[in-house]
Amino acid sequence: MNRVLKATALALAGLLVVSVSTLAWYGFSAPPLQHLSLPPGLLDETSPAGQQRLAHATDRADYAELARDFVAQARRGFCGVATGTIVTNAALHPPTPVTQTSFFTPEAAAVRSELAVTFGGMNLAQFGGLVRAHGLHVDVVHAADSNLTAFRRVADAVLSESAVYLVVNYDRKALHQVGGGHISPVAAYDRASDSFLILDVAAQKYPFTWVPAAALWQAMSGIDKGSGLTRGFALIRAAAAP
């Protein structure tokens, strides 16, 4: 009997080690290259039609800076980290650029730790807190507290003005994409097509993508199960000098 119990204990211990190792590998490894096709209604920014739309978009003041500082997410749960890194570098132009590793300063880690983000991601409010920890001014707006008309008006103004950045938190499933909740910066708005250009930080999965405003709003309006609140957007800029 003792031999059976010992063998069972060893097997369970081995299973636990394998499970923990697999979980650690999944959380800390880089996302795999997939290059998925966009569903109907979404437009690849690198396509001829996507480039033409960008050329005619009047509201693209942030595009150059965001594209210059763009980084793809380094881990599966790091969409908010990559986005925070991009907007922090674009807004502050620090002498030493922020990376997805250095993003977790003691102040940022007090909001949500690197380990918690690695295995659980972040919600919109936590994203706002992490970016504020880097000295930026952040306004977080949940979709339940706004509407498509107001979002379009605010986004139109922000994207026509440099040094103010728009970030969206949305559910990929609502856009018929693979995945769940996601965070990425928005670089342009095209009035003629009423669509927004998302610089998707999951670059291994999807390209920079033009998304119709109504579809994006719907994707931002779902409930984030982690917070119990709707998703939404954040407006970010360098904090005013005291």
Protein backbone atom coordinates (compact mmCIF):
# COMPACT_ATOMS: atom_id res chain seq x y z
CA MET A 1 0.00 0.00 0.00
CA ASN A 2 2.82 2.38 0.91
CA ARG A 3 4.42 1.72 -2.45
CA VAL A 4 1.15 2.54 -4.22
CA LEU A 5 0.73 5.76 -2.26
CA LYS A 6 4.33 6.75 -2.93
CA ALA A 7 3.96 6.03 -6.64
CA THR A 8 0.72 8.01 -6.75
CA ALA A 9 2.33 10.95 -4.95
CA LEU A 10 5.28 10.94 -7.33
CA ALA A 11 2.97 10.82 -10.34
CA LEU A 12 0.91 13.73 -9.02
CA ALA A 13 4.06 15.72 -8.28
CA GLY A 14 5.34 15.05 -11.79
CA LEU A 15 2.01 16.11 -13.26
CA LEU A 16 2.10 19.31 -11.21
CA VAL A 17 5.61 20.13 -12.40
CA VAL A 18 4.61 19.57 -16.02
CA SER A 19 1.46 21.68 -15.63
CA VAL A 20 3.33 24.57 -14.00
CA SER A 21 6.08 24.40 -16.61
CA THR A 22 3.54 24.42 -19.43
CA LEU A 23 1.70 27.37 -17.91
CA ALA A 24 4.96 29.30 -17.44
CA TRP A 25 6.04 28.57 -21.01
CA TYR A 26 2.65 29.73 -22.34
CA GLY A 27 2.68 32.95 -20.32
CA PHE A 28 6.28 34.01 -20.86
CA SER A 29 6.89 32.89 -24.44
CA ALA A 30 6.39 35.17 -27.43
CA PRO A 31 3.07 34.79 -29.28
CA PRO A 32 3.34 32.51 -32.31
CA LEU A 33 3.32 33.90 -35.83
CA GLN A 34 -0.12 33.38 -37.38
CA HIS A 35 -0.80 36.15 -39.92
CA LEU A 36 -4.55 35.57 -39.92
CA SER A 37 -6.84 36.89 -42.64
CA LEU A 38 -9.08 39.78 -41.74
CA PRO A 39 -12.83 39.08 -41.71
CA PRO A 40 -15.14 40.93 -44.15
CA GLY A 41 -15.64 44.59 -43.31
CA LEU A 42 -12.12 45.12 -41.96
CA LEU A 43 -9.36 46.50 -44.17
CA ASP A 44 -5.62 45.84 -44.07
CA GLU A 45 -3.81 49.19 -43.88
CA THR A 46 -1.01 47.86 -46.08
CA SER A 47 -3.37 46.98 -48.94
CA PRO A 48 -3.75 49.48 -51.81
CA ALA A 49 -7.22 50.42 -50.57
CA GLY A 50 -5.93 50.75 -47.02
CA GLN A 51 -3.07 52.98 -48.10
CA GLN A 52 -5.42 55.12 -50.14
CA ARG A 53 -7.69 55.54 -47.16
CA LEU A 54 -4.75 56.62 -45.01
CA ALA A 55 -3.61 59.11 -47.64
CA HIS A 56 -7.05 60.74 -47.67
CA ALA A 57 -7.67 60.63 -43.91
CA THR A 58 -7.65 64.13 -42.47
CA ASP A 59 -7.40 63.00 -38.85
CA ARG A 60 -4.03 61.26 -38.58
CA ALA A 61 -1.89 63.66 -36.55
CA ASP A 62 -0.62 60.83 -34.31
CA TYR A 63 0.10 58.29 -37.02
CA ALA A 64 3.78 59.08 -37.63
CA GLU A 65 4.75 59.11 -33.95
CA LEU A 66 2.78 55.99 -33.07
CA ALA A 67 4.16 54.11 -36.06
CA ARG A 68 7.70 55.20 -35.16
CA ASP A 69 7.35 53.96 -31.57
CA PHE A 70 5.28 50.90 -32.41
CA VAL A 71 6.21 47.57 -30.83
CA ALA A 72 4.39 44.25 -31.06
CA GLN A 73 3.34 42.66 -27.80
CA ALA A 74 6.12 40.47 -26.40
CA ARG A 75 3.85 38.05 -24.53
CA ARG A 76 0.31 36.79 -25.02
CA GLY A 77 -1.04 38.93 -22.16
CA PHE A 78 0.96 42.04 -23.04
CA CYS A 79 -1.34 43.93 -25.43
CA GLY A 80 -1.83 46.64 -22.80
CA VAL A 81 1.89 46.69 -21.99
CA ALA A 82 2.89 47.11 -25.63
CA THR A 83 0.26 49.83 -26.08
CA GLY A 84 1.39 51.59 -22.89
CA THR A 85 5.00 51.44 -24.06
CA ILE A 86 4.09 52.96 -27.42
CA VAL A 87 2.07 55.89 -26.07
CA THR A 88 4.54 56.58 -23.25
CA ASN A 89 7.43 56.89 -25.69
CA ALA A 90 5.34 58.92 -28.16
CA ALA A 91 4.12 61.35 -25.51
CA LEU A 92 7.24 61.80 -23.40
CA HIS A 93 10.17 61.10 -25.78
CA PRO A 94 12.26 59.80 -22.85
CA PRO A 95 16.06 59.80 -23.33
CA THR A 96 15.98 56.05 -22.75
CA PRO A 97 12.89 54.61 -24.43
CA VAL A 98 10.54 52.57 -22.28
CA THR A 99 10.47 48.87 -23.15
CA GLN A 100 7.97 46.18 -22.28
CA THR A 101 10.38 45.04 -19.57
CA SER A 102 11.15 48.46 -18.09
CA PHE A 103 7.45 49.39 -18.28
CA PHE A 104 6.94 47.73 -14.89
CA THR A 105 8.49 50.39 -12.70
CA PRO A 106 7.76 50.10 -8.95
CA GLU A 107 4.94 52.63 -9.40
CA ALA A 108 3.43 50.68 -12.31
CA ALA A 109 3.84 47.32 -10.58
CA ALA A 110 1.90 48.71 -7.61
CA VAL A 111 -1.08 49.08 -9.97
CA ARG A 112 -0.74 45.59 -11.46
CA SER A 113 2.34 43.41 -11.38
CA GLU A 114 4.17 42.00 -14.38
CA LEU A 115 3.24 38.48 -13.27
CA ALA A 116 -0.46 39.35 -12.95
CA VAL A 117 -0.48 40.93 -16.41
CA THR A 118 1.43 38.02 -17.92
CA PHE A 119 -1.19 35.51 -16.84
CA GLY A 120 -4.31 37.68 -16.54
CA GLY A 121 -3.89 40.69 -18.78
CA MET A 122 -5.45 43.94 -17.61
CA ASN A 123 -8.75 45.77 -17.79
CA LEU A 124 -9.26 49.31 -19.02
CA ALA A 125 -9.00 50.95 -15.60
CA GLN A 126 -5.80 49.06 -14.83
CA PHE A 127 -4.36 50.14 -18.15
CA GLY A 128 -5.10 53.74 -17.23
CA GLY A 129 -3.42 53.32 -13.85
CA LEU A 130 -0.32 51.72 -15.37
CA VAL A 131 0.12 54.55 -17.87
CA ARG A 132 -0.49 57.20 -15.18
CA ALA A 133 2.34 55.60 -13.21
CA HIS A 134 4.65 56.83 -15.99
CA GLY A 135 3.60 60.44 -15.46
CA LEU A 136 0.96 60.71 -18.18
CA HIS A 137 -2.50 62.20 -17.91
CA VAL A 138 -5.15 59.57 -18.71
CA ASP A 139 -8.92 59.86 -19.09
CA VAL A 140 -10.63 56.48 -19.10
CA VAL A 141 -14.13 56.29 -20.58
CA HIS A 142 -16.24 53.14 -20.40
CA ALA A 143 -18.63 52.58 -23.29
CA ALA A 144 -21.62 52.54 -20.92
CA ASP A 145 -20.83 56.16 -20.05
CA SER A 146 -20.72 57.36 -23.66
CA ASN A 147 -22.14 56.56 -27.10
CA LEU A 148 -20.96 56.19 -30.67
CA THR A 149 -21.70 59.81 -31.61
CA ALA A 150 -19.74 61.17 -28.65
CA PHE A 151 -16.88 58.74 -29.25
CA ARG A 152 -16.68 59.68 -32.90
CA ARG A 153 -16.62 63.39 -32.00
CA VAL A 154 -13.92 62.98 -29.33
CA ALA A 155 -11.81 60.67 -31.49
CA ASP A 156 -12.11 63.03 -34.44
CA ALA A 157 -10.74 65.87 -32.33
CA VAL A 158 -7.97 63.83 -30.69
CA LEU A 159 -6.71 62.29 -33.93
CA SER A 160 -6.49 65.71 -35.58
CA GLU A 161 -4.26 67.00 -32.77
CA SER A 162 -0.73 65.80 -32.11
CA ALA A 163 0.48 64.80 -28.64
CA VAL A 164 -2.90 63.42 -27.56
CA TYR A 165 -3.40 59.70 -28.05
CA LEU A 166 -6.41 57.43 -28.32
CA VAL A 167 -6.36 53.83 -27.09
CA VAL A 168 -9.26 51.40 -27.41
CA ASN A 169 -10.18 48.33 -25.39
CA TYR A 170 -12.42 46.00 -27.38
CA ASP A 171 -13.54 42.40 -27.80
CA ARG A 172 -12.09 40.74 -30.87
CA LYS A 173 -15.02 38.32 -31.10
CA ALA A 174 -17.37 41.21 -31.88
CA LEU A 175 -15.19 41.95 -34.92
CA HIS A 176 -15.15 38.26 -35.90
CA GLN A 177 -11.46 38.04 -35.12
CA VAL A 178 -9.65 35.32 -33.21
CA GLY A 179 -9.13 36.15 -29.54
CA GLY A 180 -10.86 37.96 -26.71
CA GLY A 181 -10.32 41.30 -25.00
CA HIS A 182 -7.64 43.44 -26.60
CA ILE A 183 -5.99 46.86 -26.20
CA SER A 184 -4.33 48.83 -29.01
CA PRO A 185 -3.72 52.45 -30.05
CA VAL A 186 -5.72 54.22 -32.76
CA ALA A 187 -3.74 56.24 -35.29
CA ALA A 188 -6.26 57.77 -37.70
CA TYR A 189 -9.90 58.42 -38.54
CA ASP A 190 -11.23 58.57 -42.09
CA ARG A 191 -14.47 60.54 -42.27
CA ALA A 192 -15.39 59.41 -45.76
CA SER A 193 -15.51 55.73 -44.77
CA ASP A 194 -16.29 56.45 -41.09
CA SER A 195 -13.53 54.09 -39.99
CA PHE A 196 -10.64 54.05 -37.53
CA LEU A 197 -7.12 52.75 -38.06
CA ILE A 198 -6.09 50.44 -35.22
CA LEU A 199 -2.38 49.76 -34.86
CA ASP A 200 -2.91 46.20 -33.67
CA VAL A 201 -0.12 45.34 -31.24
CA ALA A 202 -0.72 41.63 -31.88
CA ALA A 203 1.28 42.11 -35.07
CA GLN A 204 2.03 38.41 -35.28
CA LYS A 205 -1.70 37.85 -35.74
CA TYR A 206 -3.24 40.83 -37.55
CA PRO A 207 -1.97 43.87 -39.50
CA PHE A 208 -2.78 47.52 -38.85
CA THR A 209 -6.50 47.50 -39.53
CA TRP A 210 -9.21 49.91 -40.63
CA VAL A 211 -12.37 49.20 -38.62
CA PRO A 212 -15.80 50.79 -39.23
CA ALA A 213 -16.74 53.11 -36.38
CA ALA A 214 -20.03 51.34 -35.60
CA ALA A 215 -18.34 47.92 -35.51
CA LEU A 216 -15.56 49.21 -33.25
CA TRP A 217 -18.07 50.79 -30.88
CA GLN A 218 -19.99 47.55 -30.64
CA ALA A 219 -16.77 45.71 -29.85
CA MET A 220 -16.01 48.27 -27.12
CA SER A 221 -19.49 48.00 -25.61
CA GLY A 222 -19.28 44.43 -24.34
CA ILE A 223 -18.77 43.59 -20.68
CA ASP A 224 -15.25 42.80 -19.51
CA LYS A 225 -15.85 39.80 -17.26
CA GLY A 226 -12.77 40.62 -15.21
CA SER A 227 -14.03 44.04 -14.14
CA GLY A 228 -17.79 43.66 -14.64
CA LEU A 229 -17.73 46.92 -16.62
CA THR A 230 -17.98 47.69 -20.30
CA ARG A 231 -14.80 48.12 -22.28
CA GLY A 232 -14.14 51.53 -23.82
CA PHE A 233 -11.32 53.93 -24.57
CA ALA A 234 -8.62 56.07 -23.02
CA LEU A 235 -7.31 59.52 -23.93
CA ILE A 236 -3.65 60.03 -23.07
CA ARG A 237 -1.32 63.01 -23.06
CA ALA A 238 1.72 64.27 -21.22
CA ALA A 239 0.74 65.66 -17.83
CA ALA A 240 0.80 69.44 -17.50
CA ALA A 241 3.80 70.87 -15.71
CA PRO A 242 3.04 71.74 -12.05
